[in-house]
Amino acid sequence: MDRALNFANGAAFTVGGVPVGRDTAVIDAEIGIAVAPAARLSLRYSGQIGSGVSDHSVNARFDMRF
């Protein structure tokens, strides 16, 4: 699947990707906890699971405000 895109004052560009397969579950979940008044720790899972399709990613994130 390709899409032609462009920014307001820029040249057009093409973005390509694979479409989501038929009968595929798309999962996106995140959990976070405040470890201090100005700090947060988060863990995120994203994935696609289906017949012949398996794509998984896990992300850990630490945010601190000052």
C-alpha atoms as a PDB file:
ATOM      1  CA  MET A   1       0.000   0.000   0.000  1.00  0.00           C
ATOM      2  CA  ASP A   2       1.508   3.342  -1.069  1.00  0.00           C
ATOM      3  CA  ARG A   3       0.300   6.843  -0.272  1.00  0.00           C
ATOM      4  CA  ALA A   4       1.455  10.118  -1.820  1.00  0.00           C
ATOM      5  CA  LEU A   5       1.790  12.877   0.788  1.00  0.00           C
ATOM      6  CA  ASN A   6       3.201  16.376   1.035  1.00  0.00           C
ATOM      7  CA  PHE A   7       3.641  19.166   3.566  1.00  0.00           C
ATOM      8  CA  ALA A   8       2.072  22.600   3.013  1.00  0.00           C
ATOM      9  CA  ASN A   9       5.158  24.114   1.341  1.00  0.00           C
ATOM     10  CA  GLY A  10       7.045  20.978   0.344  1.00  0.00           C
ATOM     11  CA  ALA A  11       7.429  18.542  -2.481  1.00  0.00           C
ATOM     12  CA  ALA A  12       5.300  15.413  -2.614  1.00  0.00           C
ATOM     13  CA  PHE A  13       6.737  12.142  -1.297  1.00  0.00           C
ATOM     14  CA  THR A  14       5.520   8.549  -1.202  1.00  0.00           C
ATOM     15  CA  VAL A  15       5.150   6.432   1.906  1.00  0.00           C
ATOM     16  CA  GLY A  16       4.886   2.677   1.477  1.00  0.00           C
ATOM     17  CA  GLY A  17       3.677   0.063   3.898  1.00  0.00           C
ATOM     18  CA  VAL A  18       2.049  -3.304   4.227  1.00  0.00           C
ATOM     19  CA  PRO A  19      -1.710  -3.327   4.792  1.00  0.00           C
ATOM     20  CA  VAL A  20      -3.096  -5.060   7.879  1.00  0.00           C
ATOM     21  CA  GLY A  21      -3.985  -8.636   6.952  1.00  0.00           C
ATOM     22  CA  ARG A  22      -7.475 -10.034   7.048  1.00  0.00           C
ATOM     23  CA  ASP A  23      -8.541 -11.552  10.404  1.00  0.00           C
ATOM     24  CA  THR A  24      -5.693  -9.832  12.222  1.00  0.00           C
ATOM     25  CA  ALA A  25      -5.869  -8.512  15.794  1.00  0.00           C
ATOM     26  CA  VAL A  26      -4.130  -5.165  16.299  1.00  0.00           C
ATOM     27  CA  ILE A  27      -3.165  -4.665  19.955  1.00  0.00           C
ATOM     28  CA  ASP A  28      -1.793  -1.516  21.587  1.00  0.00           C
ATOM     29  CA  ALA A  29      -1.537  -1.333  25.379  1.00  0.00           C
ATOM     30  CA  GLU A  30       0.381   0.927  27.777  1.00  0.00           C
ATOM     31  CA  ILE A  31       0.788   1.020  31.537  1.00  0.00           C
ATOM     32  CA  GLY A  32       2.560   3.702  33.542  1.00  0.00           C
ATOM     33  CA  ILE A  33       3.364   4.543  37.120  1.00  0.00           C
ATOM     34  CA  ALA A  34       4.517   7.734  38.820  1.00  0.00           C
ATOM     35  CA  VAL A  35       7.827   6.907  40.525  1.00  0.00           C
ATOM     36  CA  ALA A  36       8.190  10.441  41.935  1.00  0.00           C
ATOM     37  CA  PRO A  37       6.089  13.627  41.830  1.00  0.00           C
ATOM     38  CA  ALA A  38       7.805  14.717  38.600  1.00  0.00           C
ATOM     39  CA  ALA A  39       8.822  11.324  37.149  1.00  0.00           C
ATOM     40  CA  ARG A  40       6.888   8.588  35.338  1.00  0.00           C
ATOM     41  CA  LEU A  41       7.873   5.133  34.086  1.00  0.00           C
ATOM     42  CA  SER A  42       5.810   3.564  31.263  1.00  0.00           C
ATOM     43  CA  LEU A  43       5.805   0.249  29.401  1.00  0.00           C
ATOM     44  CA  ARG A  44       4.033  -0.132  26.049  1.00  0.00           C
ATOM     45  CA  TYR A  45       3.225  -3.160  23.871  1.00  0.00           C
ATOM     46  CA  SER A  46       2.113  -2.981  20.239  1.00  0.00           C
ATOM     47  CA  GLY A  47       1.433  -5.930  18.005  1.00  0.00           C
ATOM     48  CA  GLN A  48      -0.433  -7.568  15.179  1.00  0.00           C
ATOM     49  CA  ILE A  49      -1.399 -11.209  15.472  1.00  0.00           C
ATOM     50  CA  GLY A  50      -3.174 -13.173  12.785  1.00  0.00           C
ATOM     51  CA  SER A  51      -2.940 -16.023  10.318  1.00  0.00           C
ATOM     52  CA  GLY A  52       0.545 -15.766   8.848  1.00  0.00           C
ATOM     53  CA  VAL A  53       1.187 -12.405  10.527  1.00  0.00           C
ATOM     54  CA  SER A  54       3.177 -11.743  13.676  1.00  0.00           C
ATOM     55  CA  ASP A  55       4.592  -8.330  14.571  1.00  0.00           C
ATOM     56  CA  HIS A  56       5.480  -7.300  18.128  1.00  0.00           C
ATOM     57  CA  SER A  57       7.198  -4.360  19.819  1.00  0.00           C
ATOM     58  CA  VAL A  58       7.805  -3.365  23.437  1.00  0.00           C
ATOM     59  CA  ASN A  59       8.824   0.129  24.540  1.00  0.00           C
ATOM     60  CA  ALA A  60       9.981   1.371  27.941  1.00  0.00           C
ATOM     61  CA  ARG A  61       9.886   5.101  28.659  1.00  0.00           C
ATOM     62  CA  PHE A  62      11.031   7.309  31.525  1.00  0.00           C
ATOM     63  CA  ASP A  63       9.744  10.904  31.677  1.00  0.00           C
ATOM     64  CA  MET A  64      10.980  13.535  34.112  1.00  0.00           C
ATOM     65  CA  ARG A  65       9.598  17.070  34.347  1.00  0.00           C
ATOM     66  CA  PHE A  66      11.740  19.918  35.617  1.00  0.00           C
END
